[in-house]
């Protein structure tokens, strides 16, 4: 038998309910969804969906980008990134496309 570990994560109550509803529609449990996500990370050696930020200039060098993020951290106290809602919306769109193919 394979050895398993427990991993806990804190979720926004509203996002959890929305995600669990999607899992139910797809016919999978939340645990199965998480295992699928982790399996895809291992297989693709990446996050298995696009993570984009329209505010990033693709012509900026990594050094300039790092300085800009450091400045933002000093000025705002946090890194510039996609909001949780933006990520959820992207996932919801992807799952919506896939769920229509499952029926």
N, C-alpha and C. Protein backbone atom coordinates (compact mmCIF):
# COMPACT_ATOMS: atom_id res chain seq x y z
N UNK A 1 0.83 -1.17 0.00
CA UNK A 1 0.00 0.00 0.00
C UNK A 1 0.88 1.25 0.00
N UNK A 2 0.50 2.25 -0.80
CA UNK A 2 1.26 3.48 -0.89
C UNK A 2 1.11 4.30 0.38
N UNK A 3 2.17 4.93 0.77
CA UNK A 3 2.14 5.80 1.95
C UNK A 3 1.53 7.14 1.54
N UNK A 4 0.64 7.66 2.34
CA UNK A 4 0.01 8.94 2.05
C UNK A 4 0.26 9.91 3.18
N UNK A 5 0.06 11.19 2.90
CA UNK A 5 0.20 12.24 3.90
C UNK A 5 -1.02 13.14 3.84
N UNK A 6 -1.30 13.78 4.95
CA UNK A 6 -2.39 14.74 5.02
C UNK A 6 -1.80 16.14 4.86
N UNK A 7 -2.47 16.98 4.05
CA UNK A 7 -2.05 18.36 3.87
C UNK A 7 -3.28 19.23 4.03
N UNK A 8 -3.19 20.23 4.89
CA UNK A 8 -4.32 21.12 5.14
C UNK A 8 -4.11 22.44 4.41
N UNK A 9 -5.22 23.03 3.99
CA UNK A 9 -5.16 24.32 3.32
C UNK A 9 -6.36 25.15 3.77
N UNK A 10 -6.14 26.44 3.94
CA UNK A 10 -7.23 27.34 4.31
C UNK A 10 -7.85 27.89 3.03
N UNK A 11 -9.19 27.90 2.99
CA UNK A 11 -9.92 28.36 1.82
C UNK A 11 -10.96 29.40 2.21
N UNK A 12 -11.23 30.30 1.30
CA UNK A 12 -12.33 31.22 1.47
C UNK A 12 -13.62 30.39 1.41
N UNK A 13 -14.53 30.63 2.33
CA UNK A 13 -15.76 29.84 2.42
C UNK A 13 -16.55 29.87 1.11
N UNK A 14 -16.69 31.05 0.52
CA UNK A 14 -17.46 31.19 -0.72
C UNK A 14 -16.78 30.43 -1.87
N UNK A 15 -15.47 30.59 -1.99
CA UNK A 15 -14.74 29.88 -3.07
C UNK A 15 -14.81 28.37 -2.87
N UNK A 16 -14.73 27.93 -1.63
CA UNK A 16 -14.82 26.49 -1.35
C UNK A 16 -16.17 25.95 -1.82
N UNK A 17 -17.26 26.66 -1.48
CA UNK A 17 -18.59 26.21 -1.89
C UNK A 17 -18.70 26.16 -3.41
N UNK A 18 -18.17 27.19 -4.07
CA UNK A 18 -18.23 27.22 -5.54
C UNK A 18 -17.44 26.06 -6.14
N UNK A 19 -16.24 25.85 -5.63
CA UNK A 19 -15.39 24.77 -6.16
C UNK A 19 -16.02 23.41 -5.91
N UNK A 20 -16.54 23.19 -4.71
CA UNK A 20 -17.16 21.90 -4.40
C UNK A 20 -18.37 21.65 -5.29
N UNK A 21 -19.10 22.71 -5.64
CA UNK A 21 -20.24 22.57 -6.56
C UNK A 21 -19.77 22.13 -7.93
N UNK A 22 -18.65 22.68 -8.40
CA UNK A 22 -18.10 22.29 -9.69
C UNK A 22 -17.65 20.83 -9.64
N UNK A 23 -16.96 20.45 -8.56
CA UNK A 23 -16.51 19.06 -8.43
C UNK A 23 -17.71 18.11 -8.48
N UNK A 24 -18.79 18.47 -7.80
CA UNK A 24 -20.00 17.64 -7.79
C UNK A 24 -20.54 17.49 -9.20
N UNK A 25 -20.59 18.59 -9.95
CA UNK A 25 -21.08 18.54 -11.33
C UNK A 25 -20.18 17.66 -12.21
N UNK A 26 -18.89 17.66 -11.91
CA UNK A 26 -17.95 16.83 -12.66
C UNK A 26 -17.96 15.38 -12.21
N UNK A 27 -18.61 15.11 -11.09
CA UNK A 27 -18.68 13.75 -10.57
C UNK A 27 -17.43 13.29 -9.87
N UNK A 28 -16.68 14.24 -9.29
CA UNK A 28 -15.46 13.89 -8.55
C UNK A 28 -15.51 14.51 -7.17
N UNK A 29 -14.78 13.92 -6.25
CA UNK A 29 -14.71 14.47 -4.89
C UNK A 29 -13.64 15.56 -4.85
N UNK A 30 -13.69 16.43 -3.85
CA UNK A 30 -12.64 17.43 -3.70
C UNK A 30 -11.25 16.79 -3.59
N UNK A 31 -11.16 15.68 -2.86
CA UNK A 31 -9.87 15.00 -2.72
C UNK A 31 -9.38 14.50 -4.08
N UNK A 32 -10.27 13.96 -4.90
CA UNK A 32 -9.87 13.52 -6.23
C UNK A 32 -9.40 14.69 -7.08
N UNK A 33 -10.09 15.83 -6.96
CA UNK A 33 -9.70 17.01 -7.73
C UNK A 33 -8.30 17.48 -7.34
N UNK A 34 -8.01 17.48 -6.06
CA UNK A 34 -6.68 17.89 -5.59
C UNK A 34 -5.63 16.91 -6.08
N UNK A 35 -5.93 15.61 -6.00
CA UNK A 35 -4.97 14.61 -6.48
C UNK A 35 -4.75 14.75 -7.98
N UNK A 36 -5.80 15.06 -8.74
CA UNK A 36 -5.66 15.29 -10.18
C UNK A 36 -4.75 16.49 -10.45
N UNK A 37 -4.97 17.55 -9.68
CA UNK A 37 -4.14 18.74 -9.84
C UNK A 37 -2.67 18.40 -9.58
N UNK A 38 -2.39 17.74 -8.46
CA UNK A 38 -1.02 17.38 -8.12
C UNK A 38 -0.41 16.45 -9.17
N UNK A 39 -1.20 15.48 -9.67
CA UNK A 39 -0.70 14.56 -10.70
C UNK A 39 -0.30 15.35 -11.95
N UNK A 40 -1.12 16.32 -12.35
CA UNK A 40 -0.81 17.13 -13.54
C UNK A 40 0.43 17.99 -13.31
N UNK A 41 0.63 18.48 -12.09
CA UNK A 41 1.84 19.24 -11.78
C UNK A 41 3.06 18.35 -11.99
N UNK A 42 2.98 17.11 -11.50
CA UNK A 42 4.09 16.17 -11.64
C UNK A 42 4.33 15.83 -13.11
N UNK A 43 3.26 15.51 -13.84
CA UNK A 43 3.39 15.10 -15.24
C UNK A 43 3.93 16.23 -16.11
N UNK A 44 3.39 17.45 -15.93
CA UNK A 44 3.78 18.57 -16.79
C UNK A 44 4.96 19.36 -16.24
N UNK A 45 5.31 19.09 -14.97
CA UNK A 45 6.37 19.84 -14.30
C UNK A 45 6.08 21.34 -14.35
N UNK A 46 4.81 21.68 -14.20
CA UNK A 46 4.37 23.08 -14.22
C UNK A 46 2.97 23.15 -13.63
N UNK A 47 2.48 24.38 -13.46
CA UNK A 47 1.08 24.56 -13.10
C UNK A 47 0.29 24.20 -14.37
N UNK A 48 -0.70 23.32 -14.28
CA UNK A 48 -1.36 22.82 -15.49
C UNK A 48 -2.40 23.75 -16.11
N UNK A 49 -2.25 25.04 -15.93
CA UNK A 49 -3.10 26.02 -16.59
C UNK A 49 -2.31 27.32 -16.65
N UNK A 50 -2.72 28.20 -17.55
CA UNK A 50 -2.00 29.46 -17.74
C UNK A 50 -2.21 30.38 -16.54
N UNK A 51 -1.11 30.94 -16.09
CA UNK A 51 -1.17 31.98 -15.07
C UNK A 51 -0.58 33.21 -15.72
N UNK A 52 -1.44 34.17 -15.96
CA UNK A 52 -1.02 35.36 -16.69
C UNK A 52 -1.32 36.61 -15.88
N UNK A 53 -0.57 37.65 -16.18
CA UNK A 53 -0.79 38.94 -15.55
C UNK A 53 -0.65 39.98 -16.65
N UNK A 54 -1.75 40.60 -17.03
CA UNK A 54 -1.75 41.57 -18.12
C UNK A 54 -0.88 42.77 -17.81
N UNK A 55 -0.59 43.02 -16.54
CA UNK A 55 0.23 44.17 -16.17
C UNK A 55 1.72 43.94 -16.43
N UNK A 56 2.11 42.71 -16.76
CA UNK A 56 3.51 42.41 -17.00
C UNK A 56 3.86 42.72 -18.45
N UNK A 57 4.92 43.49 -18.64
CA UNK A 57 5.43 43.82 -19.97
C UNK A 57 6.39 42.70 -20.37
N UNK A 58 6.10 41.95 -21.44
CA UNK A 58 6.97 40.83 -21.82
C UNK A 58 8.36 41.28 -22.26
N UNK A 59 8.53 42.58 -22.52
CA UNK A 59 9.83 43.08 -22.95
C UNK A 59 10.72 43.51 -21.79
N UNK A 60 10.17 43.46 -20.58
CA UNK A 60 10.97 43.79 -19.41
C UNK A 60 11.92 42.64 -19.10
N UNK A 61 13.12 42.98 -18.69
CA UNK A 61 14.06 41.94 -18.30
C UNK A 61 13.68 41.43 -16.92
N UNK A 62 14.05 40.21 -16.60
CA UNK A 62 13.74 39.68 -15.27
C UNK A 62 14.30 40.56 -14.14
N UNK A 63 15.45 41.17 -14.38
CA UNK A 63 16.05 42.03 -13.36
C UNK A 63 15.18 43.26 -13.10
N UNK A 64 14.68 43.90 -14.17
CA UNK A 64 13.81 45.07 -14.02
C UNK A 64 12.50 44.66 -13.35
N UNK A 65 11.97 43.51 -13.75
CA UNK A 65 10.72 43.03 -13.17
C UNK A 65 10.89 42.76 -11.68
N UNK A 66 12.00 42.14 -11.29
CA UNK A 66 12.26 41.86 -9.88
C UNK A 66 12.36 43.15 -9.08
N UNK A 67 13.02 44.16 -9.65
CA UNK A 67 13.13 45.46 -8.97
C UNK A 67 11.76 46.09 -8.81
N UNK A 68 10.94 46.04 -9.86
CA UNK A 68 9.60 46.62 -9.80
C UNK A 68 8.78 45.92 -8.71
N UNK A 69 8.86 44.57 -8.62
CA UNK A 69 8.13 43.84 -7.60
C UNK A 69 8.64 44.15 -6.20
N UNK A 70 9.97 44.32 -6.07
CA UNK A 70 10.54 44.69 -4.78
C UNK A 70 10.04 46.07 -4.37
N UNK A 71 10.03 47.01 -5.31
CA UNK A 71 9.51 48.35 -5.03
C UNK A 71 8.05 48.29 -4.62
N UNK A 72 7.26 47.46 -5.31
CA UNK A 72 5.83 47.32 -4.98
C UNK A 72 5.67 46.75 -3.59
N UNK A 73 6.53 45.81 -3.22
CA UNK A 73 6.46 45.21 -1.89
C UNK A 73 6.74 46.26 -0.82
N UNK A 74 7.73 47.08 -1.06
CA UNK A 74 8.08 48.12 -0.10
C UNK A 74 6.95 49.14 0.00
N UNK A 75 6.37 49.51 -1.16
CA UNK A 75 5.34 50.54 -1.18
C UNK A 75 3.98 50.06 -0.71
N UNK A 76 3.62 48.81 -1.04
CA UNK A 76 2.27 48.35 -0.72
C UNK A 76 2.24 47.25 0.33
N UNK A 77 3.40 46.65 0.61
CA UNK A 77 3.44 45.60 1.60
C UNK A 77 3.09 44.23 1.04
N UNK A 78 2.85 44.13 -0.26
CA UNK A 78 2.57 42.83 -0.85
C UNK A 78 2.99 42.80 -2.32
N UNK A 79 3.17 41.60 -2.84
CA UNK A 79 3.58 41.43 -4.23
C UNK A 79 2.39 41.64 -5.15
N UNK A 80 2.68 42.11 -6.35
CA UNK A 80 1.64 42.26 -7.36
C UNK A 80 1.35 40.89 -7.95
N UNK A 81 0.08 40.44 -7.94
CA UNK A 81 -0.28 39.14 -8.47
C UNK A 81 -1.77 39.09 -8.79
N UNK A 82 -2.17 38.04 -9.42
CA UNK A 82 -3.59 37.83 -9.69
C UNK A 82 -4.34 37.64 -8.38
N UNK A 83 -5.55 38.12 -8.35
CA UNK A 83 -6.37 37.90 -7.16
C UNK A 83 -6.87 36.46 -7.15
N UNK A 84 -7.27 36.00 -5.99
CA UNK A 84 -7.84 34.65 -5.89
C UNK A 84 -9.06 34.52 -6.79
N UNK A 85 -9.86 35.58 -6.87
CA UNK A 85 -11.06 35.53 -7.70
C UNK A 85 -10.69 35.40 -9.18
N UNK A 86 -9.62 36.10 -9.64
CA UNK A 86 -9.18 35.98 -11.02
C UNK A 86 -8.77 34.54 -11.34
N UNK A 87 -8.03 33.93 -10.43
CA UNK A 87 -7.59 32.54 -10.63
C UNK A 87 -8.80 31.62 -10.66
N UNK A 88 -9.74 31.81 -9.72
CA UNK A 88 -10.93 30.97 -9.69
C UNK A 88 -11.73 31.13 -10.99
N UNK A 89 -11.87 32.37 -11.47
CA UNK A 89 -12.62 32.61 -12.71
C UNK A 89 -11.98 31.88 -13.88
N UNK A 90 -10.65 31.90 -13.96
CA UNK A 90 -9.95 31.18 -15.03
C UNK A 90 -10.20 29.69 -14.92
N UNK A 91 -10.11 29.15 -13.71
CA UNK A 91 -10.36 27.72 -13.50
C UNK A 91 -11.80 27.36 -13.85
N UNK A 92 -12.73 28.20 -13.44
CA UNK A 92 -14.14 27.95 -13.70
C UNK A 92 -14.40 27.91 -15.21
N UNK A 93 -13.77 28.84 -15.95
CA UNK A 93 -13.91 28.83 -17.41
C UNK A 93 -13.36 27.53 -18.00
N UNK A 94 -12.18 27.12 -17.52
CA UNK A 94 -11.57 25.88 -18.02
C UNK A 94 -12.45 24.68 -17.69
N UNK A 95 -12.94 24.59 -16.47
CA UNK A 95 -13.77 23.46 -16.07
C UNK A 95 -15.10 23.48 -16.81
N UNK A 96 -15.62 24.65 -17.08
CA UNK A 96 -16.86 24.76 -17.84
C UNK A 96 -16.69 24.19 -19.23
N UNK A 97 -15.55 24.49 -19.85
CA UNK A 97 -15.27 23.93 -21.19
C UNK A 97 -15.14 22.43 -21.15
N UNK A 98 -14.47 21.91 -20.12
CA UNK A 98 -14.24 20.47 -20.00
C UNK A 98 -15.51 19.73 -19.61
N UNK A 99 -16.32 20.33 -18.70
CA UNK A 99 -17.49 19.63 -18.21
C UNK A 99 -18.49 19.42 -19.34
N UNK A 100 -18.54 20.31 -20.33
CA UNK A 100 -19.47 20.11 -21.45
C UNK A 100 -19.02 18.93 -22.31
N UNK A 101 -17.71 18.63 -22.29
CA UNK A 101 -17.19 17.49 -23.04
C UNK A 101 -17.40 16.17 -22.33
N UNK A 102 -17.64 16.23 -21.01
CA UNK A 102 -17.79 15.00 -20.24
C UNK A 102 -19.19 14.41 -20.37
N UNK A 103 -20.18 15.22 -20.73
CA UNK A 103 -21.56 14.74 -20.79
C UNK A 103 -21.87 14.06 -22.09
